[in-house]
Protein backbone atom coordinates (compact mmCIF):
# COMPACT_ATOMS: atom_id res chain seq x y z
CA MET A 1 91.28 48.60 69.91
CA GLU A 2 94.09 49.25 72.39
CA GLN A 3 91.43 49.63 75.12
CA LEU A 4 89.57 46.44 74.19
CA PRO A 5 91.18 44.18 76.85
CA LEU A 6 90.38 46.76 79.54
CA ALA A 7 86.84 47.15 78.21
CA LEU A 8 86.32 43.38 78.41
CA LEU A 9 87.55 43.30 82.01
CA TRP A 10 85.20 46.13 82.85
CA TYR A 11 82.23 44.54 81.15
CA PHE A 12 82.71 41.16 82.78
CA ALA A 13 82.95 42.82 86.21
CA PHE A 14 79.92 44.99 85.52
CA LEU A 15 77.73 42.25 84.07
CA PHE A 16 78.52 39.64 86.73
CA SER A 17 78.03 42.11 89.58
CA THR A 18 74.78 43.49 88.19
CA VAL A 19 73.34 40.07 87.34
CA LEU A 20 74.14 38.70 90.80
CA HIS A 21 72.52 41.77 92.37
CA GLU A 22 69.27 41.22 90.46
CA ALA A 23 69.31 37.44 90.92
CA ALA A 24 69.65 37.97 94.68
CA HIS A 25 66.52 40.15 94.67
CA GLY A 26 64.62 37.49 92.76
CA TYR A 27 65.87 34.57 94.86
CA VAL A 28 64.94 36.18 98.17
CA ALA A 29 61.53 37.19 96.79
CA LEU A 30 60.97 33.59 95.69
CA ARG A 31 61.93 32.21 99.10
CA LEU A 32 59.60 34.73 100.78
CA GLY A 33 56.58 34.00 98.62
CA ASP A 34 56.79 36.01 95.38
CA PRO A 35 57.67 33.86 92.33
CA THR A 36 57.34 36.74 89.82
CA ALA A 37 61.08 37.01 89.11
CA TYR A 38 61.42 33.23 89.01
CA HIS A 39 58.72 32.93 86.36
CA GLY A 40 60.37 35.79 84.46
CA GLY A 41 63.70 33.91 84.39
CA GLN A 42 65.59 36.40 86.59
CA VAL A 43 66.52 34.00 89.41
CA THR A 44 69.73 33.03 87.64
CA ILE A 45 73.29 34.25 87.22
CA ALA A 46 73.10 33.46 83.50
CA PRO A 47 73.35 36.92 81.89
CA TRP A 48 71.00 36.51 78.92
CA PRO A 49 67.63 36.74 80.76
CA HIS A 50 68.82 39.98 82.41
CA ILE A 51 70.18 41.39 79.15
CA ARG A 52 66.96 40.52 77.36
CA ARG A 53 64.93 42.36 80.02
CA GLU A 54 67.15 45.48 80.06
CA PRO A 55 69.29 45.61 76.87
CA PHE A 56 69.71 49.38 77.12
CA GLY A 57 71.02 49.29 80.70
CA THR A 58 73.12 46.14 80.37
CA VAL A 59 74.71 46.63 76.94
CA LEU A 60 74.32 50.07 75.35
CA VAL A 61 74.85 52.32 78.38
CA PRO A 62 77.91 50.38 79.68
CA ALA A 63 79.50 50.54 76.21
CA LEU A 64 78.81 54.27 75.80
CA SER A 65 79.98 55.12 79.32
CA PHE A 66 83.28 53.30 78.73
CA ILE A 67 83.82 55.01 75.37
CA LEU A 68 83.03 58.45 76.81
CA GLY A 69 84.51 58.14 80.28
CA GLY A 70 86.75 55.08 80.49
CA TRP A 71 84.54 53.30 83.02
CA MET A 72 81.17 51.52 82.94
CA ILE A 73 77.81 52.26 84.45
CA GLY A 74 74.41 50.74 83.71
CA TRP A 75 71.53 48.88 85.28
CA ALA A 76 69.27 45.84 85.22
CA SER A 77 65.95 45.13 86.92
CA THR A 78 63.97 42.33 88.52
CA PRO A 79 60.17 42.10 88.41
CA TYR A 80 58.15 41.62 91.58
CA ASP A 81 54.51 41.59 92.58
CA PRO A 82 53.56 44.96 94.15
CA VAL A 83 50.48 43.38 95.77
CA TRP A 84 52.76 40.85 97.52
CA ALA A 85 55.08 43.70 98.59
CA ARG A 86 52.15 45.66 100.03
CA ASN A 87 50.76 42.62 101.84
CA TYR A 88 54.18 41.67 103.25
CA PRO A 89 56.18 44.90 103.58
CA ARG A 90 58.89 43.39 105.78
CA ARG A 91 59.46 40.56 103.31
CA SER A 92 59.63 43.16 100.55
CA ALA A 93 62.27 45.03 102.58
CA TRP A 94 64.46 41.93 102.82
CA MET A 95 64.08 41.46 99.07
CA SER A 96 65.32 45.04 98.59
CA LEU A 97 68.36 44.51 100.81
CA ALA A 98 69.36 41.26 99.09
CA GLY A 99 70.82 43.05 96.04
CA PRO A 100 73.22 45.38 97.88
CA LEU A 101 74.23 42.60 100.26
CA SER A 102 75.25 40.45 97.29
CA ASN A 103 77.56 43.29 96.19
CA LEU A 104 79.02 43.55 99.69
CA ILE A 105 79.87 39.84 99.49
CA LEU A 106 81.66 40.47 96.19
CA VAL A 107 83.61 43.39 97.72
CA LEU A 108 84.77 41.09 100.51
CA ALA A 109 85.65 38.33 98.02
CA ALA A 110 87.76 40.78 96.01
CA ALA A 111 89.45 42.05 99.17
CA LEU A 112 90.28 38.51 100.32
CA SER A 113 91.67 37.68 96.87
CA ILE A 114 93.87 40.77 96.95
CA ARG A 115 95.14 40.00 100.45
CA LEU A 116 95.88 36.40 99.40
CA GLY A 117 97.80 37.73 96.41
CA VAL A 118 99.80 40.03 98.69
CA ALA A 119 100.58 37.12 101.03
CA LEU A 120 101.80 35.08 98.05
CA ASP A 121 103.89 38.02 96.79
CA LEU A 122 101.79 38.28 93.62
CA PHE A 123 100.31 41.71 94.41
CA TYR A 124 101.40 44.77 96.35
CA ALA A 125 99.90 48.07 97.46
CA PRO A 126 100.67 50.68 94.78
CA ASP A 127 102.05 54.13 95.70
CA SER A 128 98.90 55.80 94.38
CA VAL A 129 95.42 54.35 93.92
CA ASN A 130 92.38 55.08 91.83
CA PHE A 131 89.11 53.37 90.96
CA SER A 132 90.64 50.71 88.69
CA HIS A 133 94.11 50.54 90.25
CA ILE A 134 93.93 49.53 93.90
CA THR A 135 96.39 46.66 93.67
CA ALA A 136 99.38 46.03 91.42
CA ALA A 137 101.08 42.85 90.22
CA THR A 138 104.68 42.03 91.04
CA GLN A 139 105.13 40.76 87.47
CA GLU A 140 103.63 41.47 84.07
CA GLY A 141 101.31 39.17 82.16
CA ILE A 142 98.30 37.35 83.52
CA PHE A 143 98.79 38.57 87.09
CA SER A 144 98.73 42.16 85.91
CA ALA A 145 95.34 41.54 84.22
CA VAL A 146 94.07 39.81 87.37
CA ALA A 147 95.18 42.77 89.51
CA THR A 148 93.32 45.18 87.23
CA PHE A 149 90.20 43.02 87.27
CA LEU A 150 90.22 42.70 91.07
CA SER A 151 90.68 46.47 91.38
CA ILE A 152 87.67 47.13 89.15
CA PHE A 153 85.65 44.38 90.85
CA PHE A 154 86.34 45.78 94.33
CA SER A 155 85.56 49.40 93.48
CA LEU A 156 82.54 48.70 91.27
CA ASN A 157 80.84 46.48 93.84
CA LEU A 158 81.56 49.01 96.57
CA ILE A 159 79.71 51.56 94.42
CA LEU A 160 76.79 49.19 93.83
CA PHE A 161 76.58 48.41 97.54
CA LEU A 162 76.76 51.99 98.81
CA PHE A 163 74.75 53.70 96.07
CA ASN A 164 71.86 51.26 96.31
CA LEU A 165 71.68 51.70 100.09
CA ILE A 166 70.86 55.41 99.77
CA PRO A 167 67.29 55.61 101.19
CA LEU A 168 65.78 57.44 98.23
CA PRO A 169 63.31 55.85 95.79
CA PRO A 170 63.74 53.86 93.61
CA LEU A 171 66.99 52.69 95.21
CA ASP A 172 67.07 49.57 97.37
CA GLY A 173 67.73 51.57 100.52
CA SER A 174 64.28 53.12 100.26
CA GLY A 175 62.74 49.66 99.94
CA ALA A 176 64.40 48.60 103.21
CA ILE A 177 62.70 51.32 105.29
CA PRO A 178 59.59 49.17 106.07
CA LEU A 179 61.84 47.13 108.37
CA PHE A 180 61.69 50.10 110.76
CA LEU A 181 57.97 50.86 110.43
CA GLY A 182 54.80 49.31 111.71
CA GLU A 183 52.90 47.23 109.18
CA GLU A 184 50.20 49.79 108.34
CA ASN A 185 52.70 52.67 108.14
CA ALA A 186 54.91 50.48 105.96
CA ARG A 187 52.03 49.98 103.53
CA ARG A 188 51.35 53.72 103.41
CA TYR A 189 55.04 54.34 102.82
CA LEU A 190 55.21 51.83 99.94
CA ASP A 191 52.16 53.48 98.34
CA PHE A 192 53.79 56.89 98.76
CA ILE A 193 57.11 56.06 97.09
CA GLN A 194 55.48 54.53 94.02
CA ASN A 195 54.98 58.03 92.60
CA PRO A 196 57.15 58.24 89.40
CA GLY A 197 58.02 61.84 90.22
CA PHE A 198 59.64 60.80 93.50
CA MET A 199 61.64 58.15 91.65
CA PHE A 200 63.13 60.66 89.18
CA LEU A 201 63.84 63.10 92.00
CA GLY A 202 65.40 60.32 94.09
CA ILE A 203 67.83 59.28 91.35
CA PHE A 204 68.78 62.91 90.72
CA LEU A 205 69.47 63.62 94.39
CA ALA A 206 71.32 60.33 94.90
CA TRP A 207 73.72 61.09 92.04
CA ARG A 208 74.27 64.62 93.37
CA ILE A 209 75.30 63.46 96.83
CA PHE A 210 77.01 60.18 95.99
CA GLY A 211 80.27 61.68 94.73
CA ASP A 212 80.84 63.35 98.09
CA ILE A 213 80.01 60.13 99.93
CA PHE A 214 81.92 57.60 97.85
CA GLY A 215 85.38 59.19 97.71
CA PRO A 216 86.04 59.20 101.48
CA LEU A 217 84.44 55.75 101.97
CA HIS A 218 86.45 54.25 99.09
CA LEU A 219 89.63 55.67 100.62
CA ALA A 220 88.70 54.34 104.07
CA CYS A 221 88.12 50.86 102.63
CA LEU A 222 91.50 50.94 100.88
CA ASN A 223 93.19 51.84 104.16
CA LEU A 224 91.42 48.85 105.76
CA LEU A 225 92.62 46.70 102.87
CA TYR A 226 96.23 47.84 103.37
CA PRO A 227 96.67 48.61 107.10
CA GLY A 228 99.48 51.04 107.75
CA VAL A 229 99.88 52.31 104.16
CA GLY A 230 97.97 55.52 104.92
CA TYR A 231 96.41 56.56 101.64
CA HIS A 232 94.96 60.07 101.72
């Protein structure tokens, strides 16, 4: 029960970030000619349609990961028409990129909020940083909760942005590769990565390498957030 306020901050950050990611996929697909996600109710930032589609990834796994590790992980998904993707591989690639780009926007929004708080003397750069403590409040109470939320929001969306850009199936980075291929090669590539075995292997490899990638990039972003502090 002592961890409940922190758990709620985590879950709100996770759910909003994940829902926006999936809604961005669906919205771009709709604008580019595939209404599958729209008809499925996924082109929305209302959480329920996404929870209903993936209750395991949006509720159970985040709760268990927080209980076991003190942080949240999970997933959601957006339906699309594979025939449309094969017929329009470049449009499909933009649909894939829309999710990570939405998370990048949220990273920048969190960073701007933190810098505004620093300018107003509400936040300051702490002596040491971690995933959920990248800014600190100058006073206790509501500003302390806001500082914790912004810390989680910044780090979590940086993870969602970077992890999903890894060019391994089924991650969004692999779906963006047709942007760099000719149309016929792009179709062959999309057919190739649909193999379920490649998807399991891709997730396994992505998790193995991501820890080595994220730490230095997270630190670099924090040093951009606080120029001159010199975290290491």
